[in-house]
């Protein structure tokens, strides 16, 4: 079950140990500035699940294996031009 707290941003500084304990206890915390949401903290484990870091790690491993077995190398500009073309249509 996901537990979410809302706290003022000053708690990050003034109550860091408590905040850290809550985050590592599987809580997410929404920090506010002047009553408006500003940022969210969560454990790295939760973040990695949300961000699908396991997928990213596998994709990087596949890319490394591909590079080892192919002579063609792409420049930074080649790679990001292809990505931008796909993202931006």
N, C-alpha and C. Protein backbone atom coordinates (compact mmCIF):
# COMPACT_ATOMS: atom_id res chain seq x y z
N UNK A 1 0.84 -1.19 0.00
CA UNK A 1 0.00 0.00 0.00
C UNK A 1 0.88 1.25 0.00
N UNK A 2 0.51 2.22 -0.79
CA UNK A 2 1.27 3.46 -0.88
C UNK A 2 0.79 4.43 0.18
N UNK A 3 1.73 4.99 0.89
CA UNK A 3 1.42 5.99 1.90
C UNK A 3 2.06 7.31 1.46
N UNK A 4 1.26 8.38 1.41
CA UNK A 4 1.76 9.68 0.99
C UNK A 4 1.47 10.71 2.07
N UNK A 5 2.50 11.46 2.44
CA UNK A 5 2.41 12.56 3.40
C UNK A 5 2.56 13.87 2.65
N UNK A 6 2.00 14.92 3.18
CA UNK A 6 2.26 16.27 2.67
C UNK A 6 2.87 17.07 3.81
N UNK A 7 4.02 17.69 3.53
CA UNK A 7 4.73 18.43 4.56
C UNK A 7 5.32 19.70 3.95
N UNK A 8 5.52 20.73 4.77
CA UNK A 8 6.19 21.94 4.27
C UNK A 8 7.66 21.64 3.97
N UNK A 9 8.20 22.33 3.00
CA UNK A 9 9.58 22.10 2.57
C UNK A 9 10.57 22.29 3.72
N UNK A 10 10.24 23.13 4.68
CA UNK A 10 11.14 23.35 5.82
C UNK A 10 11.36 22.06 6.62
N UNK A 11 10.42 21.11 6.56
CA UNK A 11 10.61 19.84 7.25
C UNK A 11 11.76 19.03 6.69
N UNK A 12 12.06 19.24 5.42
CA UNK A 12 13.18 18.53 4.82
C UNK A 12 14.47 18.88 5.54
N UNK A 13 14.63 20.14 5.89
CA UNK A 13 15.82 20.59 6.60
C UNK A 13 15.67 20.37 8.11
N UNK A 14 14.54 20.75 8.66
CA UNK A 14 14.38 20.75 10.11
C UNK A 14 14.12 19.38 10.72
N UNK A 15 13.62 18.45 9.92
CA UNK A 15 13.28 17.12 10.43
C UNK A 15 13.79 16.04 9.48
N UNK A 16 15.02 16.21 8.98
CA UNK A 16 15.55 15.31 7.97
C UNK A 16 15.53 13.85 8.41
N UNK A 17 15.96 13.58 9.63
CA UNK A 17 16.02 12.19 10.11
C UNK A 17 14.64 11.55 10.07
N UNK A 18 13.64 12.28 10.51
CA UNK A 18 12.26 11.78 10.50
C UNK A 18 11.77 11.57 9.06
N UNK A 19 12.07 12.52 8.19
CA UNK A 19 11.68 12.41 6.78
C UNK A 19 12.36 11.21 6.14
N UNK A 20 13.65 11.06 6.37
CA UNK A 20 14.40 9.94 5.80
C UNK A 20 13.85 8.61 6.27
N UNK A 21 13.52 8.52 7.54
CA UNK A 21 12.95 7.29 8.09
C UNK A 21 11.60 6.99 7.44
N UNK A 22 10.78 8.00 7.24
CA UNK A 22 9.47 7.80 6.61
C UNK A 22 9.62 7.32 5.17
N UNK A 23 10.53 7.96 4.44
CA UNK A 23 10.75 7.59 3.03
C UNK A 23 11.27 6.17 2.92
N UNK A 24 12.20 5.80 3.79
CA UNK A 24 12.72 4.44 3.76
C UNK A 24 11.73 3.43 4.33
N UNK A 25 10.68 3.92 4.98
CA UNK A 25 9.60 3.07 5.47
C UNK A 25 8.49 2.95 4.46
N UNK A 26 8.77 3.22 3.20
CA UNK A 26 7.84 3.06 2.08
C UNK A 26 6.79 4.16 2.00
N UNK A 27 7.10 5.34 2.52
CA UNK A 27 6.20 6.48 2.37
C UNK A 27 6.76 7.41 1.32
N UNK A 28 5.89 8.03 0.58
CA UNK A 28 6.30 9.13 -0.29
C UNK A 28 5.86 10.41 0.39
N UNK A 29 6.62 11.47 0.21
CA UNK A 29 6.29 12.74 0.85
C UNK A 29 6.23 13.82 -0.22
N UNK A 30 5.13 14.55 -0.23
CA UNK A 30 4.99 15.71 -1.09
C UNK A 30 5.36 16.92 -0.26
N UNK A 31 6.39 17.64 -0.69
CA UNK A 31 6.80 18.85 0.02
C UNK A 31 6.15 20.05 -0.65
N UNK A 32 5.71 20.98 0.18
CA UNK A 32 5.03 22.17 -0.33
C UNK A 32 5.84 23.43 -0.03
N UNK A 33 5.68 24.40 -0.90
CA UNK A 33 6.24 25.74 -0.70
C UNK A 33 5.07 26.70 -0.81
N UNK A 34 4.84 27.45 0.24
CA UNK A 34 3.69 28.36 0.29
C UNK A 34 2.38 27.66 -0.03
N UNK A 35 2.25 26.41 0.47
CA UNK A 35 1.01 25.67 0.31
C UNK A 35 0.83 24.97 -1.03
N UNK A 36 1.81 25.09 -1.93
CA UNK A 36 1.71 24.46 -3.24
C UNK A 36 2.74 23.35 -3.36
N UNK A 37 2.36 22.24 -3.96
CA UNK A 37 3.27 21.11 -4.13
C UNK A 37 4.51 21.55 -4.89
N UNK A 38 5.67 21.15 -4.39
CA UNK A 38 6.93 21.54 -5.00
C UNK A 38 7.76 20.34 -5.44
N UNK A 39 7.82 19.31 -4.60
CA UNK A 39 8.61 18.13 -4.93
C UNK A 39 8.09 16.92 -4.19
N UNK A 40 8.52 15.75 -4.65
CA UNK A 40 8.14 14.49 -4.03
C UNK A 40 9.41 13.72 -3.71
N UNK A 41 9.45 13.12 -2.54
CA UNK A 41 10.56 12.23 -2.20
C UNK A 41 10.01 10.83 -2.05
N UNK A 42 10.83 9.87 -2.40
CA UNK A 42 10.47 8.46 -2.24
C UNK A 42 11.76 7.66 -2.14
N UNK A 43 11.65 6.43 -1.71
CA UNK A 43 12.84 5.58 -1.62
C UNK A 43 13.36 5.29 -3.02
N UNK A 44 14.65 5.00 -3.10
CA UNK A 44 15.22 4.68 -4.39
C UNK A 44 14.58 3.42 -4.96
N UNK A 45 14.25 2.48 -4.10
CA UNK A 45 13.59 1.24 -4.55
C UNK A 45 12.27 1.55 -5.25
N UNK A 46 11.46 2.41 -4.66
CA UNK A 46 10.19 2.78 -5.28
C UNK A 46 10.44 3.54 -6.58
N UNK A 47 11.39 4.47 -6.57
CA UNK A 47 11.71 5.23 -7.76
C UNK A 47 12.13 4.30 -8.90
N UNK A 48 13.00 3.33 -8.58
CA UNK A 48 13.49 2.44 -9.63
C UNK A 48 12.36 1.62 -10.23
N UNK A 49 11.37 1.27 -9.42
CA UNK A 49 10.21 0.55 -9.95
C UNK A 49 9.38 1.46 -10.85
N UNK A 50 9.18 2.68 -10.42
CA UNK A 50 8.40 3.63 -11.22
C UNK A 50 9.12 3.99 -12.52
N UNK A 51 10.42 4.14 -12.45
CA UNK A 51 11.20 4.57 -13.60
C UNK A 51 11.64 3.40 -14.48
N UNK A 52 11.29 2.20 -14.06
CA UNK A 52 11.64 1.00 -14.83
C UNK A 52 13.15 0.92 -15.06
N UNK A 53 13.92 1.19 -14.01
CA UNK A 53 15.37 1.17 -14.14
C UNK A 53 15.91 -0.20 -14.51
N UNK A 54 15.17 -1.27 -14.13
CA UNK A 54 15.61 -2.59 -14.53
C UNK A 54 15.57 -2.72 -16.05
N UNK A 55 14.56 -2.13 -16.68
CA UNK A 55 14.47 -2.12 -18.14
C UNK A 55 15.62 -1.33 -18.74
N UNK A 56 15.90 -0.18 -18.16
CA UNK A 56 16.99 0.66 -18.66
C UNK A 56 18.31 -0.09 -18.55
N UNK A 57 18.54 -0.74 -17.44
CA UNK A 57 19.78 -1.49 -17.24
C UNK A 57 19.90 -2.60 -18.27
N UNK A 58 18.83 -3.34 -18.53
CA UNK A 58 18.86 -4.39 -19.55
C UNK A 58 19.14 -3.81 -20.93
N UNK A 59 18.50 -2.67 -21.25
CA UNK A 59 18.71 -2.04 -22.55
C UNK A 59 20.16 -1.59 -22.72
N UNK A 60 20.75 -1.08 -21.66
CA UNK A 60 22.16 -0.68 -21.73
C UNK A 60 23.07 -1.89 -21.92
N UNK A 61 22.76 -2.99 -21.25
CA UNK A 61 23.54 -4.22 -21.42
C UNK A 61 23.44 -4.72 -22.86
N UNK A 62 22.23 -4.67 -23.43
CA UNK A 62 22.05 -5.07 -24.82
C UNK A 62 22.83 -4.16 -25.77
N UNK A 63 22.82 -2.88 -25.50
CA UNK A 63 23.56 -1.94 -26.33
C UNK A 63 25.06 -2.21 -26.25
N UNK A 64 25.57 -2.51 -25.06
CA UNK A 64 26.98 -2.84 -24.90
C UNK A 64 27.34 -4.09 -25.69
N UNK A 65 26.48 -5.11 -25.61
CA UNK A 65 26.73 -6.35 -26.35
C UNK A 65 26.71 -6.10 -27.85
N UNK A 66 25.76 -5.30 -28.31
CA UNK A 66 25.67 -4.96 -29.73
C UNK A 66 26.95 -4.24 -30.18
N UNK A 67 27.41 -3.29 -29.39
CA UNK A 67 28.61 -2.52 -29.74
C UNK A 67 29.84 -3.41 -29.83
N UNK A 68 29.91 -4.40 -28.96
CA UNK A 68 31.06 -5.30 -28.99
C UNK A 68 31.10 -6.15 -30.25
N UNK A 69 29.93 -6.42 -30.83
CA UNK A 69 29.84 -7.33 -31.97
C UNK A 69 29.67 -6.62 -33.31
N UNK A 70 29.67 -5.30 -33.34
CA UNK A 70 29.49 -4.55 -34.58
C UNK A 70 30.53 -3.46 -34.69
N UNK A 71 31.05 -3.31 -35.88
CA UNK A 71 32.11 -2.32 -36.11
C UNK A 71 31.56 -0.90 -36.19
N UNK A 72 30.32 -0.74 -36.64
CA UNK A 72 29.75 0.60 -36.80
C UNK A 72 29.58 1.28 -35.45
N UNK A 73 30.05 2.48 -35.35
CA UNK A 73 29.90 3.27 -34.12
C UNK A 73 29.17 4.55 -34.48
N UNK A 74 28.26 4.96 -33.62
CA UNK A 74 27.49 6.18 -33.84
C UNK A 74 28.03 7.28 -32.94
N UNK A 75 27.99 8.49 -33.46
CA UNK A 75 28.38 9.63 -32.64
C UNK A 75 27.23 10.04 -31.74
N UNK A 76 27.53 10.85 -30.78
CA UNK A 76 26.52 11.42 -29.89
C UNK A 76 25.42 12.09 -30.71
N UNK A 77 25.82 12.89 -31.69
CA UNK A 77 24.84 13.60 -32.52
C UNK A 77 23.97 12.65 -33.32
N UNK A 78 24.56 11.57 -33.85
CA UNK A 78 23.77 10.57 -34.59
C UNK A 78 22.68 9.97 -33.70
N UNK A 79 23.07 9.58 -32.51
CA UNK A 79 22.12 8.94 -31.59
C UNK A 79 21.00 9.89 -31.22
N UNK A 80 21.36 11.09 -30.79
CA UNK A 80 20.33 12.01 -30.32
C UNK A 80 19.49 12.59 -31.45
N UNK A 81 20.04 12.66 -32.64
CA UNK A 81 19.23 13.08 -33.79
C UNK A 81 18.14 12.06 -34.07
N UNK A 82 18.51 10.76 -33.99
CA UNK A 82 17.52 9.70 -34.21
C UNK A 82 16.46 9.71 -33.10
N UNK A 83 16.88 9.90 -31.87
CA UNK A 83 15.93 9.92 -30.75
C UNK A 83 15.00 11.12 -30.90
N UNK A 84 15.56 12.29 -31.16
CA UNK A 84 14.73 13.50 -31.32
C UNK A 84 13.74 13.35 -32.47
N UNK A 85 14.15 12.71 -33.55
CA UNK A 85 13.25 12.51 -34.69
C UNK A 85 12.07 11.64 -34.27
N UNK A 86 12.33 10.60 -33.48
CA UNK A 86 11.25 9.71 -33.03
C UNK A 86 10.33 10.42 -32.03
N UNK A 87 10.93 11.16 -31.10
CA UNK A 87 10.14 11.84 -30.07
C UNK A 87 9.32 12.98 -30.65
N UNK A 88 9.94 13.75 -31.52
CA UNK A 88 9.28 14.94 -32.04
C UNK A 88 8.52 14.70 -33.34
N UNK A 89 8.56 13.48 -33.82
CA UNK A 89 7.78 13.15 -35.01
C UNK A 89 8.44 13.58 -36.21
